[in-house]
Amino acid sequence: LGVREIIDDLNYYDMLKNFCKFFVSMGYSGFMINLDEAINLYKIGTAA
């Protein structure tokens, strides 16, 4: 594609915000994201 960057662990949230603006510019009301099973964050082994 001739691009310099890819979407990764560091910038994916910024890309979600870009898409939110993208959808609103098309006439949609907004962007809703549902994140379920938060138990899997609780179960992360290392405290850090």
ModelCIF file with pLDDT and N, C-alpha, C, O atoms, coordinates in Angstrom:
data_MODEL
#
_entry.id   MODEL 
#
_entity.id                         1 
_entity.type                       polymer 
_entity.pdbx_number_of_molecules   1 
#
_entity_poly.entity_id                      1 
_entity_poly.type                           'polypeptide(L)' 
_entity_poly.nstd_linkage                   no 
_entity_poly.nstd_monomer                   no 
_entity_poly.pdbx_seq_one_letter_code       LGVREIIDDLNYYDMLKNFCKFFVSMGYSGFMINLDEAINLYKIGTAA 
_entity_poly.pdbx_seq_one_letter_code_can   LGVREIIDDLNYYDMLKNFCKFFVSMGYSGFMINLDEAINLYKIGTAA 
_entity_poly.pdbx_strand_id                 A 
#
loop_
_entity_poly_seq.entity_id 
_entity_poly_seq.num 
_entity_poly_seq.mon_id 
_entity_poly_seq.hetero 
1 1  LEU n 
1 2  GLY n 
1 3  VAL n 
1 4  ARG n 
1 5  GLU n 
1 6  ILE n 
1 7  ILE n 
1 8  ASP n 
1 9  ASP n 
1 10 LEU n 
1 11 ASN n 
1 12 TYR n 
1 13 TYR n 
1 14 ASP n 
1 15 MET n 
1 16 LEU n 
1 17 LYS n 
1 18 ASN n 
1 19 PHE n 
1 20 CYS n 
1 21 LYS n 
1 22 PHE n 
1 23 PHE n 
1 24 VAL n 
1 25 SER n 
1 26 MET n 
1 27 GLY n 
1 28 TYR n 
1 29 SER n 
1 30 GLY n 
1 31 PHE n 
1 32 MET n 
1 33 ILE n 
1 34 ASN n 
1 35 LEU n 
1 36 ASP n 
1 37 GLU n 
1 38 ALA n 
1 39 ILE n 
1 40 ASN n 
1 41 LEU n 
1 42 TYR n 
1 43 LYS n 
1 44 ILE n 
1 45 GLY n 
1 46 THR n 
1 47 ALA n 
1 48 ALA n 
#
_struct_asym.id          A 
_struct_asym.entity_id   1 
#
loop_
_ma_qa_metric.id 
_ma_qa_metric.mode 
_ma_qa_metric.name 
_ma_qa_metric.software_group_id 
_ma_qa_metric.type 
1 global pLDDT . pLDDT 
2 local  pLDDT . pLDDT 
#
_ma_qa_metric_global.metric_id      1 
_ma_qa_metric_global.metric_value   94.98 
_ma_qa_metric_global.model_id       1 
_ma_qa_metric_global.ordinal_id     1 
#
loop_
_ma_qa_metric_local.label_asym_id 
_ma_qa_metric_local.label_comp_id 
_ma_qa_metric_local.label_seq_id 
_ma_qa_metric_local.metric_id 
_ma_qa_metric_local.metric_value 
_ma_qa_metric_local.model_id 
_ma_qa_metric_local.ordinal_id 
A LEU 1  2 95.00 1 1  
A GLY 2  2 93.00 1 2  
A VAL 3  2 93.00 1 3  
A ARG 4  2 91.00 1 4  
A GLU 5  2 93.00 1 5  
A ILE 6  2 95.00 1 6  
A ILE 7  2 95.00 1 7  
A ASP 8  2 96.00 1 8  
A ASP 9  2 97.00 1 9  
A LEU 10 2 95.00 1 10 
A ASN 11 2 93.00 1 11 
A TYR 12 2 95.00 1 12 
A TYR 13 2 95.00 1 13 
A ASP 14 2 92.00 1 14 
A MET 15 2 93.00 1 15 
A LEU 16 2 95.00 1 16 
A LYS 17 2 93.00 1 17 
A ASN 18 2 91.00 1 18 
A PHE 19 2 94.00 1 19 
A CYS 20 2 95.00 1 20 
A LYS 21 2 93.00 1 21 
A PHE 22 2 93.00 1 22 
A PHE 23 2 96.00 1 23 
A VAL 24 2 95.00 1 24 
A SER 25 2 93.00 1 25 
A MET 26 2 93.00 1 26 
A GLY 27 2 95.00 1 27 
A TYR 28 2 98.00 1 28 
A SER 29 2 98.00 1 29 
A GLY 30 2 98.00 1 30 
A PHE 31 2 98.00 1 31 
A MET 32 2 98.00 1 32 
A ILE 33 2 98.00 1 33 
A ASN 34 2 97.00 1 34 
A LEU 35 2 97.00 1 35 
A ASP 36 2 95.00 1 36 
A GLU 37 2 94.00 1 37 
A ALA 38 2 96.00 1 38 
A ILE 39 2 95.00 1 39 
A ASN 40 2 96.00 1 40 
A LEU 41 2 97.00 1 41 
A TYR 42 2 96.00 1 42 
A LYS 43 2 96.00 1 43 
A ILE 44 2 96.00 1 44 
A GLY 45 2 93.00 1 45 
A THR 46 2 95.00 1 46 
A ALA 47 2 95.00 1 47 
A ALA 48 2 96.00 1 48 
#
loop_
_atom_site.group_PDB 
_atom_site.id 
_atom_site.type_symbol 
_atom_site.label_atom_id 
_atom_site.label_alt_id 
_atom_site.label_comp_id 
_atom_site.label_asym_id 
_atom_site.label_entity_id 
_atom_site.label_seq_id 
_atom_site.pdbx_PDB_ins_code 
_atom_site.Cartn_x 
_atom_site.Cartn_y 
_atom_site.Cartn_z 
_atom_site.occupancy 
_atom_site.B_iso_or_equiv 
_atom_site.pdbx_formal_charge 
_atom_site.auth_seq_id 
_atom_site.auth_comp_id 
_atom_site.auth_asym_id 
_atom_site.auth_atom_id 
_atom_site.pdbx_PDB_model_num 
ATOM 1   N N  . LEU A 1 1  ? 0.792   -1.233  0.000  1.00 95.00 ? 1  LEU A N  1 
ATOM 2   C CA . LEU A 1 1  ? 0.000   0.000   0.000  1.00 95.00 ? 1  LEU A CA 1 
ATOM 3   C C  . LEU A 1 1  ? 0.827   1.288   0.000  1.00 95.00 ? 1  LEU A C  1 
ATOM 4   O O  . LEU A 1 1  ? 0.284   2.374   -0.202 1.00 95.00 ? 1  LEU A O  1 
ATOM 5   N N  . GLY A 1 2  ? 2.129   1.168   0.225  1.00 93.00 ? 2  GLY A N  1 
ATOM 6   C CA . GLY A 1 2  ? 2.962   2.362   0.247  1.00 93.00 ? 2  GLY A CA 1 
ATOM 7   C C  . GLY A 1 2  ? 2.843   3.191   1.507  1.00 93.00 ? 2  GLY A C  1 
ATOM 8   O O  . GLY A 1 2  ? 3.165   4.379   1.496  1.00 93.00 ? 2  GLY A O  1 
ATOM 9   N N  . VAL A 1 3  ? 2.386   2.585   2.598  1.00 93.00 ? 3  VAL A N  1 
ATOM 10  C CA . VAL A 1 3  ? 2.236   3.314   3.862  1.00 93.00 ? 3  VAL A CA 1 
ATOM 11  C C  . VAL A 1 3  ? 3.430   3.047   4.766  1.00 93.00 ? 3  VAL A C  1 
ATOM 12  O O  . VAL A 1 3  ? 4.129   2.045   4.613  1.00 93.00 ? 3  VAL A O  1 
ATOM 13  N N  . ARG A 1 4  ? 3.655   3.955   5.708  1.00 91.00 ? 4  ARG A N  1 
ATOM 14  C CA . ARG A 1 4  ? 4.814   3.848   6.602  1.00 91.00 ? 4  ARG A CA 1 
ATOM 15  C C  . ARG A 1 4  ? 4.512   3.082   7.872  1.00 91.00 ? 4  ARG A C  1 
ATOM 16  O O  . ARG A 1 4  ? 5.400   2.470   8.465  1.00 91.00 ? 4  ARG A O  1 
ATOM 17  N N  . GLU A 1 5  ? 3.245   3.116   8.291  1.00 93.00 ? 5  GLU A N  1 
ATOM 18  C CA . GLU A 1 5  ? 2.879   2.548   9.592  1.00 93.00 ? 5  GLU A CA 1 
ATOM 19  C C  . GLU A 1 5  ? 1.801   1.493   9.448  1.00 93.00 ? 5  GLU A C  1 
ATOM 20  O O  . GLU A 1 5  ? 1.167   1.371   8.400  1.00 93.00 ? 5  GLU A O  1 
ATOM 21  N N  . ILE A 1 6  ? 1.601   0.729   10.516 1.00 95.00 ? 6  ILE A N  1 
ATOM 22  C CA . ILE A 1 6  ? 0.477   -0.205  10.610 1.00 95.00 ? 6  ILE A CA 1 
ATOM 23  C C  . ILE A 1 6  ? -0.237  0.057   11.929 1.00 95.00 ? 6  ILE A C  1 
ATOM 24  O O  . ILE A 1 6  ? 0.285   0.750   12.802 1.00 95.00 ? 6  ILE A O  1 
ATOM 25  N N  . ILE A 1 7  ? -1.417  -0.495  12.063 1.00 95.00 ? 7  ILE A N  1 
ATOM 26  C CA . ILE A 1 7  ? -2.167  -0.378  13.314 1.00 95.00 ? 7  ILE A CA 1 
ATOM 27  C C  . ILE A 1 7  ? -1.608  -1.419  14.281 1.00 95.00 ? 7  ILE A C  1 
ATOM 28  O O  . ILE A 1 7  ? -1.505  -2.600  13.952 1.00 95.00 ? 7  ILE A O  1 
ATOM 29  N N  . ASP A 1 8  ? -1.248  -0.958  15.484 1.00 96.00 ? 8  ASP A N  1 
ATOM 30  C CA . ASP A 1 8  ? -0.605  -1.857  16.443 1.00 96.00 ? 8  ASP A CA 1 
ATOM 31  C C  . ASP A 1 8  ? -1.123  -1.611  17.858 1.00 96.00 ? 8  ASP A C  1 
ATOM 32  O O  . ASP A 1 8  ? -2.098  -0.887  18.060 1.00 96.00 ? 8  ASP A O  1 
ATOM 33  N N  . ASP A 1 9  ? -0.456  -2.223  18.828 1.00 97.00 ? 9  ASP A N  1 
ATOM 34  C CA . ASP A 1 9  ? -0.887  -2.115  20.225 1.00 97.00 ? 9  ASP A CA 1 
ATOM 35  C C  . ASP A 1 9  ? -0.898  -0.669  20.726 1.00 97.00 ? 9  ASP A C  1 
ATOM 36  O O  . ASP A 1 9  ? -1.687  -0.319  21.604 1.00 97.00 ? 9  ASP A O  1 
ATOM 37  N N  . LEU A 1 10 ? -0.029  0.160   20.170 1.00 95.00 ? 10 LEU A N  1 
ATOM 38  C CA . LEU A 1 10 ? 0.123   1.525   20.682 1.00 95.00 ? 10 LEU A CA 1 
ATOM 39  C C  . LEU A 1 10 ? -0.872  2.512   20.088 1.00 95.00 ? 10 LEU A C  1 
ATOM 40  O O  . LEU A 1 10 ? -1.259  3.470   20.758 1.00 95.00 ? 10 LEU A O  1 
ATOM 41  N N  . ASN A 1 11 ? -1.298  2.296   18.835 1.00 93.00 ? 11 ASN A N  1 
ATOM 42  C CA . ASN A 1 11 ? -2.114  3.325   18.177 1.00 93.00 ? 11 ASN A CA 1 
ATOM 43  C C  . ASN A 1 11 ? -3.544  2.904   17.850 1.00 93.00 ? 11 ASN A C  1 
ATOM 44  O O  . ASN A 1 11 ? -4.300  3.692   17.283 1.00 93.00 ? 11 ASN A O  1 
ATOM 45  N N  . TYR A 1 12 ? -3.929  1.667   18.199 1.00 95.00 ? 12 TYR A N  1 
ATOM 46  C CA . TYR A 1 12 ? -5.255  1.187   17.774 1.00 95.00 ? 12 TYR A CA 1 
ATOM 47  C C  . TYR A 1 12 ? -6.394  2.029   18.354 1.00 95.00 ? 12 TYR A C  1 
ATOM 48  O O  . TYR A 1 12 ? -7.415  2.228   17.695 1.00 95.00 ? 12 TYR A O  1 
ATOM 49  N N  . TYR A 1 13 ? -6.223  2.523   19.583 1.00 95.00 ? 13 TYR A N  1 
ATOM 50  C CA . TYR A 1 13 ? -7.295  3.324   20.191 1.00 95.00 ? 13 TYR A CA 1 
ATOM 51  C C  . TYR A 1 13 ? -7.474  4.641   19.429 1.00 95.00 ? 13 TYR A C  1 
ATOM 52  O O  . TYR A 1 13 ? -8.601  5.099   19.242 1.00 95.00 ? 13 TYR A O  1 
ATOM 53  N N  . ASP A 1 14 ? -6.374  5.247   18.991 1.00 92.00 ? 14 ASP A N  1 
ATOM 54  C CA . ASP A 1 14 ? -6.475  6.460   18.173 1.00 92.00 ? 14 ASP A CA 1 
ATOM 55  C C  . ASP A 1 14 ? -7.201  6.173   16.865 1.00 92.00 ? 14 ASP A C  1 
ATOM 56  O O  . ASP A 1 14 ? -7.953  7.012   16.369 1.00 92.00 ? 14 ASP A O  1 
ATOM 57  N N  . MET A 1 15 ? -6.974  4.989   16.309 1.00 93.00 ? 15 MET A N  1 
ATOM 58  C CA . MET A 1 15 ? -7.656  4.632   15.070 1.00 93.00 ? 15 MET A CA 1 
ATOM 59  C C  . MET A 1 15 ? -9.151  4.450   15.302 1.00 93.00 ? 15 MET A C  1 
ATOM 60  O O  . MET A 1 15 ? -9.956  4.792   14.436 1.00 93.00 ? 15 MET A O  1 
ATOM 61  N N  . LEU A 1 16 ? -9.533  3.915   16.462 1.00 95.00 ? 16 LEU A N  1 
ATOM 62  C CA . LEU A 1 16 ? -10.961 3.803   16.792 1.00 95.00 ? 16 LEU A CA 1 
ATOM 63  C C  . LEU A 1 16 ? -11.598 5.186   16.871 1.00 95.00 ? 16 LEU A C  1 
ATOM 64  O O  . LEU A 1 16 ? -12.734 5.376   16.439 1.00 95.00 ? 16 LEU A O  1 
ATOM 65  N N  . LYS A 1 17 ? -10.864 6.150   17.424 1.00 93.00 ? 17 LYS A N  1 
ATOM 66  C CA . LYS A 1 17 ? -11.386 7.519   17.493 1.00 93.00 ? 17 LYS A CA 1 
ATOM 67  C C  . LYS A 1 17 ? -11.506 8.128   16.092 1.00 93.00 ? 17 LYS A C  1 
ATOM 68  O O  . LYS A 1 17 ? -12.451 8.867   15.812 1.00 93.00 ? 17 LYS A O  1 
ATOM 69  N N  . ASN A 1 18 ? -10.547 7.817   15.217 1.00 91.00 ? 18 ASN A N  1 
ATOM 70  C CA . ASN A 1 18 ? -10.653 8.262   13.828 1.00 91.00 ? 18 ASN A CA 1 
ATOM 71  C C  . ASN A 1 18 ? -11.915 7.706   13.174 1.00 91.00 ? 18 ASN A C  1 
ATOM 72  O O  . ASN A 1 18 ? -12.651 8.423   12.496 1.00 91.00 ? 18 ASN A O  1 
ATOM 73  N N  . PHE A 1 19 ? -12.149 6.412   13.393 1.00 94.00 ? 19 PHE A N  1 
ATOM 74  C CA . PHE A 1 19 ? -13.336 5.791   12.807 1.00 94.00 ? 19 PHE A CA 1 
ATOM 75  C C  . PHE A 1 19 ? -14.617 6.398   13.376 1.00 94.00 ? 19 PHE A C  1 
ATOM 76  O O  . PHE A 1 19 ? -15.605 6.546   12.656 1.00 94.00 ? 19 PHE A O  1 
ATOM 77  N N  . CYS A 1 20 ? -14.607 6.745   14.647 1.00 95.00 ? 20 CYS A N  1 
ATOM 78  C CA . CYS A 1 20 ? -15.780 7.384   15.242 1.00 95.00 ? 20 CYS A CA 1 
ATOM 79  C C  . CYS A 1 20 ? -16.112 8.669   14.489 1.00 95.00 ? 20 CYS A C  1 
ATOM 80  O O  . CYS A 1 20 ? -17.265 8.894   14.120 1.00 95.00 ? 20 CYS A O  1 
ATOM 81  N N  . LYS A 1 21 ? -15.102 9.514   14.260 1.00 93.00 ? 21 LYS A N  1 
ATOM 82  C CA . LYS A 1 21 ? -15.323 10.750  13.503 1.00 93.00 ? 21 LYS A CA 1 
ATOM 83  C C  . LYS A 1 21 ? -15.744 10.441  12.063 1.00 93.00 ? 21 LYS A C  1 
ATOM 84  O O  . LYS A 1 21 ? -16.590 11.128  11.490 1.00 93.00 ? 21 LYS A O  1 
ATOM 85  N N  . PHE A 1 22 ? -15.152 9.421   11.503 1.00 93.00 ? 22 PHE A N  1 
ATOM 86  C CA . PHE A 1 22 ? -15.469 8.994   10.136 1.00 93.00 ? 22 PHE A CA 1 
ATOM 87  C C  . PHE A 1 22 ? -16.955 8.644   10.013 1.00 93.00 ? 22 PHE A C  1 
ATOM 88  O O  . PHE A 1 22 ? -17.628 9.084   9.081  1.00 93.00 ? 22 PHE A O  1 
ATOM 89  N N  . PHE A 1 23 ? -17.457 7.851   10.959 1.00 96.00 ? 23 PHE A N  1 
ATOM 90  C CA . PHE A 1 23 ? -18.863 7.439   10.915 1.00 96.00 ? 23 PHE A CA 1 
ATOM 91  C C  . PHE A 1 23 ? -19.796 8.629   11.117 1.00 96.00 ? 23 PHE A C  1 
ATOM 92  O O  . PHE A 1 23 ? -20.824 8.737   10.448 1.00 96.00 ? 23 PHE A O  1 
ATOM 93  N N  . VAL A 1 24 ? -19.437 9.523   12.039 1.00 95.00 ? 24 VAL A N  1 
ATOM 94  C CA . VAL A 1 24 ? -20.279 10.698  12.292 1.00 95.00 ? 24 VAL A CA 1 
ATOM 95  C C  . VAL A 1 24 ? -20.307 11.600  11.063 1.00 95.00 ? 24 VAL A C  1 
ATOM 96  O O  . VAL A 1 24 ? -21.343 12.186  10.747 1.00 95.00 ? 24 VAL A O  1 
ATOM 97  N N  . SER A 1 25 ? -19.169 11.716  10.363 1.00 93.00 ? 25 SER A N  1 
ATOM 98  C CA . SER A 1 25 ? -19.125 12.551  9.161  1.00 93.00 ? 25 SER A CA 1 
ATOM 99  C C  . SER A 1 25 ? -20.049 12.019  8.070  1.00 93.00 ? 25 SER A C  1 
ATOM 100 O O  . SER A 1 25 ? -20.457 12.766  7.180  1.00 93.00 ? 25 SER A O  1 
ATOM 101 N N  . MET A 1 26 ? -20.381 10.727  8.139  1.00 93.00 ? 26 MET A N  1 
ATOM 102 C CA . MET A 1 26 ? -21.280 10.116  7.163  1.00 93.00 ? 26 MET A CA 1 
ATOM 103 C C  . MET A 1 26 ? -22.747 10.329  7.514  1.00 93.00 ? 26 MET A C  1 
ATOM 104 O O  . MET A 1 26 ? -23.632 10.047  6.706  1.00 93.00 ? 26 MET A O  1 
ATOM 105 N N  . GLY A 1 27 ? -23.003 10.829  8.727  1.00 95.00 ? 27 GLY A N  1 
ATOM 106 C CA . GLY A 1 27 ? -24.379 11.043  9.153  1.00 95.00 ? 27 GLY A CA 1 
ATOM 107 C C  . GLY A 1 27 ? -24.863 10.101  10.229 1.00 95.00 ? 27 GLY A C  1 
ATOM 108 O O  . GLY A 1 27 ? -26.029 10.156  10.618 1.00 95.00 ? 27 GLY A O  1 
ATOM 109 N N  . TYR A 1 28 ? -23.977 9.220   10.728 1.00 98.00 ? 28 TYR A N  1 
ATOM 110 C CA . TYR A 1 28 ? -24.365 8.337   11.826 1.00 98.00 ? 28 TYR A CA 1 
ATOM 111 C C  . TYR A 1 28 ? -24.326 9.091   13.156 1.00 98.00 ? 28 TYR A C  1 
ATOM 112 O O  . TYR A 1 28 ? -23.632 10.099  13.290 1.00 98.00 ? 28 TYR A O  1 
ATOM 113 N N  . SER A 1 29 ? -25.072 8.594   14.126 1.00 98.00 ? 29 SER A N  1 
ATOM 114 C CA . SER A 1 29 ? -25.197 9.280   15.417 1.00 98.00 ? 29 SER A CA 1 
ATOM 115 C C  . SER A 1 29 ? -23.925 9.183   16.247 1.00 98.00 ? 29 SER A C  1 
ATOM 116 O O  . SER A 1 29 ? -23.639 10.069  17.052 1.00 98.00 ? 29 SER A O  1 
ATOM 117 N N  . GLY A 1 30 ? -23.170 8.123   16.059 1.00 98.00 ? 30 GLY A N  1 
ATOM 118 C CA . GLY A 1 30 ? -21.964 7.912   16.845 1.00 98.00 ? 30 GLY A CA 1 
ATOM 119 C C  . GLY A 1 30 ? -21.480 6.486   16.688 1.00 98.00 ? 30 GLY A C  1 
ATOM 120 O O  . GLY A 1 30 ? -21.984 5.733   15.855 1.00 98.00 ? 30 GLY A O  1 
ATOM 121 N N  . PHE A 1 31 ? -20.490 6.122   17.503 1.00 98.00 ? 31 PHE A N  1 
ATOM 122 C CA . PHE A 1 31 ? -19.868 4.805   17.459 1.00 98.00 ? 31 PHE A CA 1 
ATOM 123 C C  . PHE A 1 31 ? -19.947 4.201   18.858 1.00 98.00 ? 31 PHE A C  1 
ATOM 124 O O  . PHE A 1 31 ? -19.420 4.770   19.813 1.00 98.00 ? 31 PHE A O  1 
ATOM 125 N N  . MET A 1 32 ? -20.609 3.042   18.979 1.00 98.00 ? 32 MET A N  1 
ATOM 126 C CA . MET A 1 32 ? -20.720 2.368   20.270 1.00 98.00 ? 32 MET A CA 1 
ATOM 127 C C  . MET A 1 32 ? -19.952 1.058   20.226 1.00 98.00 ? 32 MET A C  1 
ATOM 128 O O  . MET A 1 32 ? -20.116 0.257   19.306 1.00 98.00 ? 32 MET A O  1 
ATOM 129 N N  . ILE A 1 33 ? -19.102 0.848   21.243 1.00 98.00 ? 33 ILE A N  1 
ATOM 130 C CA . ILE A 1 33 ? -18.280 -0.360  21.330 1.00 98.00 ? 33 ILE A CA 1 
ATOM 131 C C  . ILE A 1 33 ? -18.591 -1.074  22.642 1.00 98.00 ? 33 ILE A C  1 
ATOM 132 O O  . ILE A 1 33 ? -18.493 -0.477  23.713 1.00 98.00 ? 33 ILE A O  1 
ATOM 133 N N  . ASN A 1 34 ? -18.962 -2.344  22.561 1.00 97.00 ? 34 ASN A N  1 
ATOM 134 C CA . ASN A 1 34 ? -19.241 -3.157  23.745 1.00 97.00 ? 34 ASN A CA 1 
ATOM 135 C C  . ASN A 1 34 ? -18.089 -4.125  23.985 1.00 97.00 ? 34 ASN A C  1 
ATOM 136 O O  . ASN A 1 34 ? -17.709 -4.885  23.094 1.00 97.00 ? 34 ASN A O  1 
ATOM 137 N N  . LEU A 1 35 ? -17.540 -4.093  25.190 1.00 97.00 ? 35 LEU A N  1 
ATOM 138 C CA . LEU A 1 35 ? -16.418 -4.960  25.559 1.00 97.00 ? 35 LEU A CA 1 
ATOM 139 C C  . LEU A 1 35 ? -16.844 -5.849  26.731 1.00 97.00 ? 35 LEU A C  1 
ATOM 140 O O  . LEU A 1 35 ? -16.985 -5.387  27.864 1.00 97.00 ? 35 LEU A O  1 
ATOM 141 N N  . ASP A 1 36 ? -17.042 -7.116  26.435 1.00 95.00 ? 36 ASP A N  1 
ATOM 142 C CA . ASP A 1 36 ? -17.575 -8.072  27.420 1.00 95.00 ? 36 ASP A CA 1 
ATOM 143 C C  . ASP A 1 36 ? -16.442 -8.941  27.973 1.00 95.00 ? 36 ASP A C  1 
ATOM 144 O O  . ASP A 1 36 ? -15.310 -8.906  27.489 1.00 95.00 ? 36 ASP A O  1 
ATOM 145 N N  . GLU A 1 37 ? -16.785 -9.723  29.006 1.00 94.00 ? 37 GLU A N  1 
ATOM 146 C CA . GLU A 1 37 ? -15.857 -10.683 29.622 1.00 94.00 ? 37 GLU A CA 1 
ATOM 147 C C  . GLU A 1 37 ? -14.637 -9.997  30.233 1.00 94.00 ? 37 GLU A C  1 
ATOM 148 O O  . GLU A 1 37 ? -13.503 -10.425 30.017 1.00 94.00 ? 37 GLU A O  1 
ATOM 149 N N  . ALA A 1 38 ? -14.879 -8.926  31.001 1.00 96.00 ? 38 ALA A N  1 
ATOM 150 C CA . ALA A 1 38 ? -13.771 -8.228  31.670 1.00 96.00 ? 38 ALA A CA 1 
ATOM 151 C C  . ALA A 1 38 ? -13.071 -9.111  32.691 1.00 96.00 ? 38 ALA A C  1 
ATOM 152 O O  . ALA A 1 38 ? -12.016 -8.737  33.202 1.00 96.00 ? 38 ALA A O  1 
ATOM 153 N N  . ILE A 1 39 ? -13.639 -10.282 33.001 1.00 95.00 ? 39 ILE A N  1 
ATOM 154 C CA . ILE A 1 39 ? -12.981 -11.237 33.888 1.00 95.00 ? 39 ILE A CA 1 
ATOM 155 C C  . ILE A 1 39 ? -11.585 -11.590 33.356 1.00 95.00 ? 39 ILE A C  1 
ATOM 156 O O  . ILE A 1 39 ? -10.693 -11.945 34.128 1.00 95.00 ? 39 ILE A O  1 
ATOM 157 N N  . ASN A 1 40 ? -11.404 -11.489 32.033 1.00 96.00 ? 40 ASN A N  1 
ATOM 158 C CA . ASN A 1 40 ? -10.109 -11.842 31.448 1.00 96.00 ? 40 ASN A CA 1 
ATOM 159 C C  . ASN A 1 40 ? -9.047  -10.767 31.657 1.00 96.00 ? 40 ASN A C  1 
ATOM 160 O O  . ASN A 1 40 ? -7.861  -11.036 31.466 1.00 96.00 ? 40 ASN A O  1 
ATOM 161 N N  . LEU A 1 41 ? -9.445  -9.559  32.043 1.00 97.00 ? 41 LEU A N  1 
ATOM 162 C CA . LEU A 1 41 ? -8.469  -8.564  32.493 1.00 97.00 ? 41 LEU A CA 1 
ATOM 163 C C  . LEU A 1 41 ? -8.108  -8.846  33.949 1.00 97.00 ? 41 LEU A C  1 
ATOM 164 O O  . LEU A 1 41 ? -6.946  -8.757  34.345 1.00 97.00 ? 41 LEU A O  1 
ATOM 165 N N  . TYR A 1 42 ? -9.112  -9.182  34.725 1.00 96.00 ? 42 TYR A N  1 
ATOM 166 C CA . TYR A 1 42 ? -8.943  -9.525  36.140 1.00 96.00 ? 42 TYR A CA 1 
ATOM 167 C C  . TYR A 1 42 ? -8.000  -10.715 36.307 1.00 96.00 ? 42 TYR A C  1 
ATOM 168 O O  . TYR A 1 42 ? -7.273  -10.807 37.296 1.00 96.00 ? 42 TYR A O  1 
ATOM 169 N N  . LYS A 1 43 ? -8.019  -11.632 35.322 1.00 96.00 ? 43 LYS A N  1 
ATOM 170 C CA . LYS A 1 43 ? -7.234  -12.861 35.409 1.00 96.00 ? 43 LYS A CA 1 
ATOM 171 C C  . LYS A 1 43 ? -5.798  -12.713 34.897 1.00 96.00 ? 43 LYS A C  1 
ATOM 172 O O  . LYS A 1 43 ? -5.024  -13.669 34.948 1.00 96.00 ? 43 LYS A O  1 
ATOM 173 N N  . ILE A 1 44 ? -5.436  -11.525 34.404 1.00 96.00 ? 44 ILE A N  1 
ATOM 174 C CA . ILE A 1 44 ? -4.059  -11.322 33.941 1.00 96.00 ? 44 ILE A CA 1 
ATOM 175 C C  . ILE A 1 44 ? -3.105  -11.614 35.095 1.00 96.00 ? 44 ILE A C  1 
ATOM 176 O O  . ILE A 1 44 ? -3.259  -11.066 36.186 1.00 96.00 ? 44 ILE A O  1 
ATOM 177 N N  . GLY A 1 45 ? -2.129  -12.467 34.855 1.00 93.00 ? 45 GLY A N  1 
ATOM 178 C CA . GLY A 1 45 ? -1.300  -12.982 35.945 1.00 93.00 ? 45 GLY A CA 1 
ATOM 179 C C  . GLY A 1 45 ? -0.396  -11.962 36.612 1.00 93.00 ? 45 GLY A C  1 
ATOM 180 O O  . GLY A 1 45 ? -0.292  -11.947 37.838 1.00 93.00 ? 45 GLY A O  1 
ATOM 181 N N  . THR A 1 46 ? 0.257   -11.113 35.840 1.00 95.00 ? 46 THR A N  1 
ATOM 182 C CA . THR A 1 46 ? 1.207   -10.176 36.429 1.00 95.00 ? 46 THR A CA 1 
ATOM 183 C C  . THR A 1 46 ? 0.509   -8.874  36.819 1.00 95.00 ? 46 THR A C  1 
ATOM 184 O O  . THR A 1 46 ? -0.245  -8.301  36.033 1.00 95.00 ? 46 THR A O  1 
ATOM 185 N N  . ALA A 1 47 ? 0.769   -8.423  38.027 1.00 95.00 ? 47 ALA A N  1 
ATOM 186 C CA . ALA A 1 47 ? 0.121   -7.221  38.540 1.00 95.00 ? 47 ALA A CA 1 
ATOM 187 C C  . ALA A 1 47 ? 0.435   -6.000  37.683 1.00 95.00 ? 47 ALA A C  1 
ATOM 188 O O  . ALA A 1 47 ? -0.432  -5.152  37.469 1.00 95.00 ? 47 ALA A O  1 
ATOM 189 N N  . ALA A 1 48 ? 1.673   -5.905  37.192 1.00 96.00 ? 48 ALA A N  1 
ATOM 190 C CA . ALA A 1 48 ? 2.065   -4.739  36.395 1.00 96.00 ? 48 ALA A CA 1 
ATOM 191 C C  . ALA A 1 48 ? 1.283   -4.667  35.088 1.00 96.00 ? 48 ALA A C  1 
ATOM 192 O O  . ALA A 1 48 ? 1.489   -3.747  34.296 1.00 96.00 ? 48 ALA A O  1 
#
